[in-house]
Amino acid sequence: MVKLLFLGSGSAFTVGTDNYQSNMLLIDELDNKLLIDCGSDIRFSLDKANFSYLDITDIYISHLHCDHVGGMEYIGFSTKFDPRCKKPKLYISKDVAMDLWHKTLSGGMTSISGDIADLNSFFEVNLLNPNAHFIWSDIVFYLIKVFHVHNGFYLMPSYGLFFTVNTTKIFITTDTQLNQKLLGKYYDSADLIFHDCETSEFPTNIHAHYNQLIKLPKQIKNKMWLYGYQPGKLPDAQQDDFQGFVTRGQIFEF
């Protein structure tokens, strides 16, 4: 049995300790763990779930916002200087990896005692090509390019995951706008969809909002769990034909 644990289910700027950023742990039958994104809340959300950096041996990074990479310095330093740890394996698209070190991590991590470090000093880096996949615990994970932020010049690299556990086809969007032209075939072919969902009164226009997702066909909503939402009262997702809103600590078993 494979389990998907939501360490948190909130948005990037979730406040308080009732919820954390929407990072996930995939746990296989041998208790191996794949961390899906590593936000700035990670040391707290791991602790809340009775885990720590000692449990992190494999990491997938989807894109470079703080709720997805803000905890990488903590994991990198903690595992490097604790003799009980090996370098975590890092699975990451080449275009995301280019900026992960130079624009996100290098300022605090380049200088270590007696050496100049780079990304490979802390992680066993597995660079992935466009339309590529990686294999973890005999599960094949396909990177799905999503439409998250376009700054007027280019699309920020961001990738969801599509994979099959036993016979269940699973799509995790990470962060995306609602773009049926780009993602419709994955909505159709998945058995279970975990979709980021804004609930704010003031939409950012870089995530799918509940008011947009509610207009999807019922057969799509019926297999969709929503996460990445803002604090506050939530709509009745089940009444609106969704599976529901994911809660912090919720576990899905396959």
C-alpha atoms as a PDB file:
ATOM      1  CA  MET A   1       0.000   0.000   0.000  1.00  0.00           C
ATOM      2  CA  VAL A   2       1.225   3.496  -0.896  1.00  0.00           C
ATOM      3  CA  LYS A   3       0.108   6.501   1.143  1.00  0.00           C
ATOM      4  CA  LEU A   4      -0.091  10.181   0.247  1.00  0.00           C
ATOM      5  CA  LEU A   5       0.107  12.390   3.339  1.00  0.00           C
ATOM      6  CA  PHE A   6      -0.695  16.093   3.137  1.00  0.00           C
ATOM      7  CA  LEU A   7       1.702  17.796   5.552  1.00  0.00           C
ATOM      8  CA  GLY A   8      -0.399  20.878   4.967  1.00  0.00           C
ATOM      9  CA  SER A   9      -3.200  21.898   2.668  1.00  0.00           C
ATOM     10  CA  GLY A  10      -3.059  25.681   2.761  1.00  0.00           C
ATOM     11  CA  SER A  11      -1.909  28.438   0.449  1.00  0.00           C
ATOM     12  CA  ALA A  12       1.547  30.024   0.355  1.00  0.00           C
ATOM     13  CA  PHE A  13       0.615  32.510   3.063  1.00  0.00           C
ATOM     14  CA  THR A  14      -1.391  30.292   5.379  1.00  0.00           C
ATOM     15  CA  VAL A  15      -1.109  31.637   8.934  1.00  0.00           C
ATOM     16  CA  GLY A  16      -1.056  29.888  12.300  1.00  0.00           C
ATOM     17  CA  THR A  17      -0.408  26.247  13.128  1.00  0.00           C
ATOM     18  CA  ASP A  18      -3.776  24.733  12.204  1.00  0.00           C
ATOM     19  CA  ASN A  19      -2.580  24.353   8.643  1.00  0.00           C
ATOM     20  CA  TYR A  20       0.637  24.609   6.654  1.00  0.00           C
ATOM     21  CA  GLN A  21       1.682  25.006   3.028  1.00  0.00           C
ATOM     22  CA  SER A  22       0.557  22.268   0.671  1.00  0.00           C
ATOM     23  CA  ASN A  23       3.585  19.983   0.696  1.00  0.00           C
ATOM     24  CA  MET A  24       3.057  16.219   0.562  1.00  0.00           C
ATOM     25  CA  LEU A  25       4.802  13.003   1.526  1.00  0.00           C
ATOM     26  CA  LEU A  26       4.363   9.892  -0.592  1.00  0.00           C
ATOM     27  CA  ILE A  27       5.179   6.855   1.546  1.00  0.00           C
ATOM     28  CA  ASP A  28       5.676   3.392   0.062  1.00  0.00           C
ATOM     29  CA  GLU A  29       5.293  -0.067   1.593  1.00  0.00           C
ATOM     30  CA  LEU A  30       8.937  -0.072   2.731  1.00  0.00           C
ATOM     31  CA  ASP A  31       8.461   3.320   4.442  1.00  0.00           C
ATOM     32  CA  ASN A  32      10.500   5.174   1.816  1.00  0.00           C
ATOM     33  CA  LYS A  33       9.356   8.777   1.516  1.00  0.00           C
ATOM     34  CA  LEU A  34       9.182  11.176  -1.413  1.00  0.00           C
ATOM     35  CA  LEU A  35       8.640  14.796  -0.409  1.00  0.00           C
ATOM     36  CA  ILE A  36       6.618  16.622  -3.039  1.00  0.00           C
ATOM     37  CA  ASP A  37       7.740  20.247  -2.718  1.00  0.00           C
ATOM     38  CA  CYS A  38       9.521  21.737   0.270  1.00  0.00           C
ATOM     39  CA  GLY A  39       8.107  25.060   1.416  1.00  0.00           C
ATOM     40  CA  SER A  40       9.199  27.429   4.146  1.00  0.00           C
ATOM     41  CA  ASP A  41       6.865  25.721   6.653  1.00  0.00           C
ATOM     42  CA  ILE A  42       8.522  22.336   6.188  1.00  0.00           C
ATOM     43  CA  ARG A  43      10.321  21.969   9.524  1.00  0.00           C
ATOM     44  CA  PHE A  44       7.081  22.736  11.352  1.00  0.00           C
ATOM     45  CA  SER A  45       4.781  20.646   9.170  1.00  0.00           C
ATOM     46  CA  LEU A  46       7.140  17.653   9.343  1.00  0.00           C
ATOM     47  CA  ASP A  47       7.299  17.934  13.120  1.00  0.00           C
ATOM     48  CA  LYS A  48       3.509  18.166  13.372  1.00  0.00           C
ATOM     49  CA  ALA A  49       3.307  14.855  11.471  1.00  0.00           C
ATOM     50  CA  ASN A  50       6.014  13.284  13.711  1.00  0.00           C
ATOM     51  CA  PHE A  51       8.709  13.416  11.032  1.00  0.00           C
ATOM     52  CA  SER A  52      11.908  15.428  10.591  1.00  0.00           C
ATOM     53  CA  TYR A  53      14.650  16.057   8.045  1.00  0.00           C
ATOM     54  CA  LEU A  54      15.973  12.594   8.981  1.00  0.00           C
ATOM     55  CA  ASP A  55      13.042  11.112   7.074  1.00  0.00           C
ATOM     56  CA  ILE A  56      13.685  13.052   3.867  1.00  0.00           C
ATOM     57  CA  THR A  57      15.669  10.996   1.361  1.00  0.00           C
ATOM     58  CA  ASP A  58      13.888  11.970  -1.867  1.00  0.00           C
ATOM     59  CA  ILE A  59      12.478  15.333  -2.983  1.00  0.00           C
ATOM     60  CA  TYR A  60      10.564  16.540  -6.024  1.00  0.00           C
ATOM     61  CA  ILE A  61      10.432  20.299  -6.707  1.00  0.00           C
ATOM     62  CA  SER A  62       7.753  21.664  -9.022  1.00  0.00           C
ATOM     63  CA  HIS A  63       8.694  25.362  -9.169  1.00  0.00           C
ATOM     64  CA  LEU A  64      10.411  28.161  -7.278  1.00  0.00           C
ATOM     65  CA  HIS A  65       7.809  29.900  -5.122  1.00  0.00           C
ATOM     66  CA  CYS A  66       8.566  29.974  -1.390  1.00  0.00           C
ATOM     67  CA  ASP A  67       5.832  27.503  -0.445  1.00  0.00           C
ATOM     68  CA  HIS A  68       7.546  24.988  -2.729  1.00  0.00           C
ATOM     69  CA  VAL A  69      11.268  25.651  -2.149  1.00  0.00           C
ATOM     70  CA  GLY A  70      11.521  27.858   0.961  1.00  0.00           C
ATOM     71  CA  GLY A  71      12.543  24.892   3.132  1.00  0.00           C
ATOM     72  CA  MET A  72      15.308  23.585   0.885  1.00  0.00           C
ATOM     73  CA  GLU A  73      18.068  25.432   2.766  1.00  0.00           C
ATOM     74  CA  TYR A  74      16.892  23.821   6.018  1.00  0.00           C
ATOM     75  CA  ILE A  75      16.821  20.338   4.481  1.00  0.00           C
ATOM     76  CA  GLY A  76      20.138  20.845   2.675  1.00  0.00           C
ATOM     77  CA  PHE A  77      22.110  22.079   5.673  1.00  0.00           C
ATOM     78  CA  SER A  78      20.482  19.680   8.147  1.00  0.00           C
ATOM     79  CA  THR A  79      21.143  16.560   6.095  1.00  0.00           C
ATOM     80  CA  LYS A  80      24.668  17.617   5.037  1.00  0.00           C
ATOM     81  CA  PHE A  81      25.968  18.172   8.544  1.00  0.00           C
ATOM     82  CA  ASP A  82      24.181  15.303  10.263  1.00  0.00           C
ATOM     83  CA  PRO A  83      26.304  12.148   9.847  1.00  0.00           C
ATOM     84  CA  ARG A  84      23.185   9.991  10.026  1.00  0.00           C
ATOM     85  CA  CYS A  85      22.004  11.350   6.674  1.00  0.00           C
ATOM     86  CA  LYS A  86      22.859  10.716   3.064  1.00  0.00           C
ATOM     87  CA  LYS A  87      22.361  13.374   0.421  1.00  0.00           C
ATOM     88  CA  PRO A  88      18.670  13.517  -0.429  1.00  0.00           C
ATOM     89  CA  LYS A  89      17.898  12.660  -4.040  1.00  0.00           C
ATOM     90  CA  LEU A  90      16.459  15.673  -5.821  1.00  0.00           C
ATOM     91  CA  TYR A  91      14.216  15.235  -8.868  1.00  0.00           C
ATOM     92  CA  ILE A  92      13.819  18.486 -10.767  1.00  0.00           C
ATOM     93  CA  SER A  93      13.296  19.799 -14.276  1.00  0.00           C
ATOM     94  CA  LYS A  94      16.438  21.352 -15.774  1.00  0.00           C
ATOM     95  CA  ASP A  95      14.832  24.743 -16.271  1.00  0.00           C
ATOM     96  CA  VAL A  96      13.728  24.886 -12.619  1.00  0.00           C
ATOM     97  CA  ALA A  97      17.103  23.623 -11.361  1.00  0.00           C
ATOM     98  CA  MET A  98      18.989  26.390 -13.175  1.00  0.00           C
ATOM     99  CA  ASP A  99      17.401  29.044 -10.986  1.00  0.00           C
ATOM    100  CA  LEU A 100      16.946  27.002  -7.801  1.00  0.00           C
ATOM    101  CA  TRP A 101      20.607  27.408  -6.931  1.00  0.00           C
ATOM    102  CA  HIS A 102      21.547  30.736  -8.503  1.00  0.00           C
ATOM    103  CA  LYS A 103      18.397  32.699  -7.635  1.00  0.00           C
ATOM    104  CA  THR A 104      17.038  30.950  -4.542  1.00  0.00           C
ATOM    105  CA  LEU A 105      19.634  29.045  -2.515  1.00  0.00           C
ATOM    106  CA  SER A 106      23.127  30.269  -3.349  1.00  0.00           C
ATOM    107  CA  GLY A 107      23.072  33.413  -1.201  1.00  0.00           C
ATOM    108  CA  GLY A 108      22.875  31.448   2.017  1.00  0.00           C
ATOM    109  CA  MET A 109      24.430  28.141   0.987  1.00  0.00           C
ATOM    110  CA  THR A 110      27.437  28.909  -1.240  1.00  0.00           C
ATOM    111  CA  SER A 111      29.893  29.463   1.608  1.00  0.00           C
ATOM    112  CA  ILE A 112      30.510  26.512   3.901  1.00  0.00           C
ATOM    113  CA  SER A 113      33.504  25.823   6.092  1.00  0.00           C
ATOM    114  CA  GLY A 114      36.533  25.389   3.864  1.00  0.00           C
ATOM    115  CA  ASP A 115      34.676  25.178   0.568  1.00  0.00           C
ATOM    116  CA  ILE A 116      32.499  26.830  -2.048  1.00  0.00           C
ATOM    117  CA  ALA A 117      29.316  24.794  -2.402  1.00  0.00           C
ATOM    118  CA  ASP A 118      26.836  24.245  -5.204  1.00  0.00           C
ATOM    119  CA  LEU A 119      23.548  22.360  -5.494  1.00  0.00           C
ATOM    120  CA  ASN A 120      25.374  19.047  -5.808  1.00  0.00           C
ATOM    121  CA  SER A 121      27.095  19.655  -2.478  1.00  0.00           C
ATOM    122  CA  PHE A 122      23.776  19.132  -0.713  1.00  0.00           C
ATOM    123  CA  PHE A 123      21.648  16.988  -2.993  1.00  0.00           C
ATOM    124  CA  GLU A 124      22.003  14.085  -5.392  1.00  0.00           C
ATOM    125  CA  VAL A 125      20.583  15.997  -8.331  1.00  0.00           C
ATOM    126  CA  ASN A 126      18.547  14.215 -11.008  1.00  0.00           C
ATOM    127  CA  LEU A 127      17.979  16.704 -13.834  1.00  0.00           C
ATOM    128  CA  LEU A 128      14.925  16.029 -15.964  1.00  0.00           C
ATOM    129  CA  ASN A 129      14.392  16.991 -19.590  1.00  0.00           C
ATOM    130  CA  PRO A 130      11.131  18.423 -20.993  1.00  0.00           C
ATOM    131  CA  ASN A 131       8.349  15.829 -21.209  1.00  0.00           C
ATOM    132  CA  ALA A 132      10.483  13.550 -19.043  1.00  0.00           C
ATOM    133  CA  HIS A 133       9.775  11.270 -16.130  1.00  0.00           C
ATOM    134  CA  PHE A 134      11.521   9.874 -13.101  1.00  0.00           C
ATOM    135  CA  ILE A 135      11.103   6.617 -11.211  1.00  0.00           C
ATOM    136  CA  TRP A 136      10.776   6.352  -7.457  1.00  0.00           C
ATOM    137  CA  SER A 137       9.859   3.106  -5.690  1.00  0.00           C
ATOM    138  CA  ASP A 138       8.992   1.550  -9.066  1.00  0.00           C
ATOM    139  CA  ILE A 139       6.440   4.307  -9.699  1.00  0.00           C
ATOM    140  CA  VAL A 140       6.846   6.339 -12.884  1.00  0.00           C
ATOM    141  CA  PHE A 141       6.200  10.064 -12.401  1.00  0.00           C
ATOM    142  CA  TYR A 142       5.539  12.145 -15.520  1.00  0.00           C
ATOM    143  CA  LEU A 143       6.194  15.881 -15.327  1.00  0.00           C
ATOM    144  CA  ILE A 144       3.197  17.841 -16.587  1.00  0.00           C
ATOM    145  CA  LYS A 145       3.854  21.418 -17.646  1.00  0.00           C
ATOM    146  CA  VAL A 146       1.236  23.698 -16.112  1.00  0.00           C
ATOM    147  CA  PHE A 147       0.297  27.336 -16.731  1.00  0.00           C
ATOM    148  CA  HIS A 148       0.979  29.079 -13.423  1.00  0.00           C
ATOM    149  CA  VAL A 149       2.556  32.532 -13.929  1.00  0.00           C
ATOM    150  CA  HIS A 150       3.210  34.341 -17.210  1.00  0.00           C
ATOM    151  CA  ASN A 151       5.061  37.617 -16.616  1.00  0.00           C
ATOM    152  CA  GLY A 152       4.387  39.040 -20.058  1.00  0.00           C
ATOM    153  CA  PHE A 153       7.708  37.812 -21.430  1.00  0.00           C
ATOM    154  CA  TYR A 154       7.745  34.089 -20.663  1.00  0.00           C
ATOM    155  CA  LEU A 155       5.976  31.350 -18.739  1.00  0.00           C
ATOM    156  CA  MET A 156       7.493  30.569 -15.352  1.00  0.00           C
ATOM    157  CA  PRO A 157       8.554  26.885 -15.354  1.00  0.00           C
ATOM    158  CA  SER A 158       6.174  24.864 -13.189  1.00  0.00           C
ATOM    159  CA  TYR A 159       5.312  21.174 -13.356  1.00  0.00           C
ATOM    160  CA  GLY A 160       2.615  18.966 -11.910  1.00  0.00           C
ATOM    161  CA  LEU A 161       2.884  15.194 -11.589  1.00  0.00           C
ATOM    162  CA  PHE A 162       0.938  12.376 -13.218  1.00  0.00           C
ATOM    163  CA  PHE A 163       1.555   8.833 -11.974  1.00  0.00           C
ATOM    164  CA  THR A 164      -0.102   5.483 -11.434  1.00  0.00           C
ATOM    165  CA  VAL A 165      -0.105   3.559  -8.159  1.00  0.00           C
ATOM    166  CA  ASN A 166      -1.321   0.001  -8.668  1.00  0.00           C
ATOM    167  CA  THR A 167      -4.218   0.799 -11.012  1.00  0.00           C
ATOM    168  CA  THR A 168      -5.055   4.301  -9.752  1.00  0.00           C
ATOM    169  CA  LYS A 169      -4.054   7.155 -12.062  1.00  0.00           C
ATOM    170  CA  ILE A 170      -3.270  10.272 -10.040  1.00  0.00           C
ATOM    171  CA  PHE A 171      -2.773  13.875 -11.146  1.00  0.00           C
ATOM    172  CA  ILE A 172      -1.304  16.456  -8.733  1.00  0.00           C
ATOM    173  CA  THR A 173      -1.408  19.933 -10.242  1.00  0.00           C
ATOM    174  CA  THR A 174       1.022  21.592  -7.789  1.00  0.00           C
ATOM    175  CA  ASP A 175       0.215  25.223  -8.818  1.00  0.00           C
ATOM    176  CA  THR A 176      -1.698  26.101 -11.952  1.00  0.00           C
ATOM    177  CA  GLN A 177      -4.325  28.294 -13.470  1.00  0.00           C
ATOM    178  CA  LEU A 178      -7.369  26.523 -14.836  1.00  0.00           C
ATOM    179  CA  ASN A 179      -6.364  25.722 -18.395  1.00  0.00           C
ATOM    180  CA  GLN A 180      -8.475  22.958 -19.890  1.00  0.00           C
ATOM    181  CA  LYS A 181      -6.738  23.181 -23.260  1.00  0.00           C
ATOM    182  CA  LEU A 182      -3.437  22.306 -21.581  1.00  0.00           C
ATOM    183  CA  LEU A 183      -4.655  19.988 -18.823  1.00  0.00           C
ATOM    184  CA  GLY A 184      -7.967  18.610 -20.063  1.00  0.00           C
ATOM    185  CA  LYS A 185      -6.547  15.272 -21.177  1.00  0.00           C
ATOM    186  CA  TYR A 186      -5.082  14.717 -17.704  1.00  0.00           C
ATOM    187  CA  TYR A 187      -8.369  15.615 -16.050  1.00  0.00           C
ATOM    188  CA  ASP A 188     -10.059  13.057 -18.285  1.00  0.00           C
ATOM    189  CA  SER A 189      -7.573  10.211 -17.861  1.00  0.00           C
ATOM    190  CA  ALA A 190      -6.916  10.542 -14.118  1.00  0.00           C
ATOM    191  CA  ASP A 191      -8.888   8.536 -11.583  1.00  0.00           C
ATOM    192  CA  LEU A 192      -8.033  10.989  -8.820  1.00  0.00           C
ATOM    193  CA  ILE A 193      -7.076  14.665  -9.092  1.00  0.00           C
ATOM    194  CA  PHE A 194      -5.515  16.820  -6.389  1.00  0.00           C
ATOM    195  CA  HIS A 195      -6.031  20.395  -7.574  1.00  0.00           C
ATOM    196  CA  ASP A 196      -4.806  23.656  -6.066  1.00  0.00           C
ATOM    197  CA  CYS A 197      -7.756  25.935  -5.416  1.00  0.00           C
ATOM    198  CA  GLU A 198      -7.948  29.559  -4.384  1.00  0.00           C
ATOM    199  CA  THR A 199     -10.867  30.531  -2.192  1.00  0.00           C
ATOM    200  CA  SER A 200      -9.912  34.163  -1.633  1.00  0.00           C
ATOM    201  CA  GLU A 201     -12.354  37.005  -2.153  1.00  0.00           C
ATOM    202  CA  PHE A 202      -9.577  38.642  -4.173  1.00  0.00           C
ATOM    203  CA  PRO A 203      -8.297  36.155  -6.790  1.00  0.00           C
ATOM    204  CA  THR A 204      -4.631  36.349  -7.770  1.00  0.00           C
ATOM    205  CA  ASN A 205      -5.279  34.994 -11.283  1.00  0.00           C
ATOM    206  CA  ILE A 206      -2.312  32.616 -11.027  1.00  0.00           C
ATOM    207  CA  HIS A 207      -4.220  29.740  -9.421  1.00  0.00           C
ATOM    208  CA  ALA A 208      -7.472  28.048 -10.307  1.00  0.00           C
ATOM    209  CA  HIS A 209     -10.197  29.658  -8.215  1.00  0.00           C
ATOM    210  CA  TYR A 210     -13.115  27.754  -6.725  1.00  0.00           C
ATOM    211  CA  ASN A 211     -15.509  29.886  -8.765  1.00  0.00           C
ATOM    212  CA  GLN A 212     -13.820  28.586 -11.926  1.00  0.00           C
ATOM    213  CA  LEU A 213     -13.446  24.962 -10.893  1.00  0.00           C
ATOM    214  CA  ILE A 214     -17.118  24.739  -9.953  1.00  0.00           C
ATOM    215  CA  LYS A 215     -17.974  25.154 -13.648  1.00  0.00           C
ATOM    216  CA  LEU A 216     -16.111  21.980 -14.663  1.00  0.00           C
ATOM    217  CA  PRO A 217     -18.186  18.969 -15.752  1.00  0.00           C
ATOM    218  CA  LYS A 218     -19.539  16.884 -12.894  1.00  0.00           C
ATOM    219  CA  GLN A 219     -17.565  13.804 -13.976  1.00  0.00           C
ATOM    220  CA  ILE A 220     -14.324  15.779 -13.519  1.00  0.00           C
ATOM    221  CA  LYS A 221     -15.321  17.345 -10.198  1.00  0.00           C
ATOM    222  CA  ASN A 222     -16.347  13.923  -8.887  1.00  0.00           C
ATOM    223  CA  LYS A 223     -12.688  12.811  -8.839  1.00  0.00           C
ATOM    224  CA  MET A 224     -11.182  16.084  -7.615  1.00  0.00           C
ATOM    225  CA  TRP A 225      -9.826  16.939  -4.162  1.00  0.00           C
ATOM    226  CA  LEU A 226      -9.033  20.627  -3.545  1.00  0.00           C
ATOM    227  CA  TYR A 227      -6.053  22.030  -1.652  1.00  0.00           C
ATOM    228  CA  GLY A 228      -3.910  25.174  -1.462  1.00  0.00           C
ATOM    229  CA  TYR A 229      -6.817  27.268  -0.200  1.00  0.00           C
ATOM    230  CA  GLN A 230      -6.814  30.407   1.961  1.00  0.00           C
ATOM    231  CA  PRO A 231      -7.791  30.515   5.658  1.00  0.00           C
ATOM    232  CA  GLY A 232     -11.434  31.155   6.439  1.00  0.00           C
ATOM    233  CA  LYS A 233     -14.793  29.577   5.776  1.00  0.00           C
ATOM    234  CA  LEU A 234     -14.798  27.188   2.831  1.00  0.00           C
ATOM    235  CA  PRO A 235     -17.590  26.459   0.348  1.00  0.00           C
ATOM    236  CA  ASP A 236     -19.433  23.149   0.571  1.00  0.00           C
ATOM    237  CA  ALA A 237     -17.312  21.323  -1.966  1.00  0.00           C
ATOM    238  CA  GLN A 238     -19.126  18.008  -1.669  1.00  0.00           C
ATOM    239  CA  GLN A 239     -22.460  19.682  -2.336  1.00  0.00           C
ATOM    240  CA  ASP A 240     -20.844  21.131  -5.455  1.00  0.00           C
ATOM    241  CA  ASP A 241     -19.835  17.609  -6.637  1.00  0.00           C
ATOM    242  CA  PHE A 242     -16.151  17.677  -5.603  1.00  0.00           C
ATOM    243  CA  GLN A 243     -14.620  15.044  -3.350  1.00  0.00           C
ATOM    244  CA  GLY A 244     -13.948  17.817  -0.842  1.00  0.00           C
ATOM    245  CA  PHE A 245     -11.216  20.040   0.559  1.00  0.00           C
ATOM    246  CA  VAL A 246      -8.092  18.245   1.771  1.00  0.00           C
ATOM    247  CA  THR A 247      -7.260  18.850   5.435  1.00  0.00           C
ATOM    248  CA  ARG A 248      -3.816  18.987   7.034  1.00  0.00           C
ATOM    249  CA  GLY A 249      -2.679  15.496   7.957  1.00  0.00           C
ATOM    250  CA  GLN A 250      -5.162  13.762   5.656  1.00  0.00           C
ATOM    251  CA  ILE A 251      -3.874  10.466   4.241  1.00  0.00           C
ATOM    252  CA  PHE A 252      -4.917   8.843   0.978  1.00  0.00           C
ATOM    253  CA  GLU A 253      -4.151   5.154   0.549  1.00  0.00           C
ATOM    254  CA  PHE A 254      -3.655   3.408  -2.775  1.00  0.00           C
END
